[in-house]
Amino acid sequence: MDFEKFLAFIEKHNALEGFNLTAVLLQKLFAEIDPHKKTFLTLKDWLGAFQSFNGYEHLMVELKNFMQCQFAGVESAFFFL
């Protein structure tokens, strides 16, 4: 995947919503994912960059943070649910 396809993927899936990245920052992100600086990404590059990401764990962290911010304690969260 070259840089143009990378940008198309990001736009199609709205993958970086809320980050407000400039063109320069997007190029830096692409370069970080491309460890050998060959100007394109392979599946191996992609997996190497994101294989440690666990969506379930990420969602659980987000839920815990939300619950801590929205409720005064465990009982109020329990009764809400």
Protein backbone atom coordinates (compact mmCIF):
# COMPACT_ATOMS: atom_id res chain seq x y z
CA MET A 1 0.00 0.00 0.00
CA ASP A 2 1.50 3.32 -0.99
CA PHE A 3 0.82 6.64 0.72
CA GLU A 4 -2.12 7.55 -1.55
CA LYS A 5 -3.87 4.25 -0.80
CA PHE A 6 -3.12 4.76 2.88
CA LEU A 7 -4.87 8.14 2.76
CA ALA A 8 -7.79 6.66 0.83
CA PHE A 9 -8.16 3.94 3.49
CA ILE A 10 -8.15 6.52 6.29
CA GLU A 11 -10.74 8.68 4.53
CA LYS A 12 -12.97 5.75 3.57
CA HIS A 13 -13.09 4.34 7.11
CA ASN A 14 -12.80 7.68 8.93
CA ALA A 15 -10.05 5.90 10.87
CA LEU A 16 -8.45 8.97 12.44
CA GLU A 17 -11.57 10.93 13.31
CA GLY A 18 -10.94 13.46 16.04
CA PHE A 19 -7.17 13.58 15.60
CA ASN A 20 -7.17 16.55 13.18
CA LEU A 21 -3.88 15.50 11.58
CA THR A 22 -2.15 17.71 9.03
CA ALA A 23 -0.69 16.33 5.81
CA VAL A 24 2.78 16.44 7.38
CA LEU A 25 1.62 14.44 10.41
CA LEU A 26 -0.07 11.87 8.18
CA GLN A 27 3.20 11.45 6.30
CA LYS A 28 5.04 10.98 9.61
CA LEU A 29 2.49 8.37 10.68
CA PHE A 30 2.95 6.51 7.42
CA ALA A 31 6.74 6.65 7.85
CA GLU A 32 6.44 5.21 11.38
CA ILE A 33 4.45 2.24 10.09
CA ASP A 34 7.04 1.74 7.29
CA PRO A 35 10.03 0.58 9.38
CA HIS A 36 12.37 -0.01 6.41
CA LYS A 37 11.50 3.32 4.74
CA LYS A 38 10.65 1.71 1.41
CA THR A 39 7.73 4.16 0.70
CA PHE A 40 5.07 1.46 0.76
CA LEU A 41 3.51 -0.76 3.39
CA THR A 42 3.33 -4.51 3.32
CA LEU A 43 0.99 -6.70 5.32
CA LYS A 44 3.95 -7.55 7.55
CA ASP A 45 4.54 -3.83 8.25
CA TRP A 46 0.87 -3.33 9.07
CA LEU A 47 0.72 -6.34 11.38
CA GLY A 48 3.95 -5.33 13.07
CA ALA A 49 2.55 -1.90 13.84
CA PHE A 50 -0.87 -3.03 15.06
CA GLN A 51 -0.69 -6.67 16.17
CA SER A 52 -0.46 -5.71 19.84
CA PHE A 53 -3.69 -3.68 19.60
CA ASN A 54 -6.54 -5.51 21.29
CA GLY A 55 -9.89 -3.91 20.50
CA TYR A 56 -11.69 -5.64 23.37
CA GLU A 57 -9.17 -4.43 25.95
CA HIS A 58 -9.32 -0.93 24.49
CA LEU A 59 -13.11 -0.87 24.77
CA MET A 60 -12.95 -2.06 28.37
CA VAL A 61 -10.52 0.73 29.28
CA GLU A 62 -12.80 3.26 27.61
CA LEU A 63 -15.84 1.90 29.46
CA LYS A 64 -14.05 2.02 32.82
CA ASN A 65 -12.93 5.60 32.20
CA PHE A 66 -16.45 6.61 31.20
CA MET A 67 -17.96 4.97 34.29
CA GLN A 68 -15.46 6.68 36.60
CA CYS A 69 -16.19 10.08 35.09
CA GLN A 70 -19.98 9.75 35.01
CA PHE A 71 -20.81 8.16 38.34
CA ALA A 72 -19.99 9.07 41.94
CA GLY A 73 -19.48 5.46 42.94
CA VAL A 74 -20.08 1.81 42.21
CA GLU A 75 -23.63 1.83 43.60
CA SER A 76 -24.82 4.71 41.43
CA ALA A 77 -23.36 3.01 38.33
CA PHE A 78 -24.98 -0.29 39.29
CA PHE A 79 -28.42 1.25 39.79
CA PHE A 80 -28.12 3.13 36.52
CA LEU A 81 -27.43 -0.10 34.65
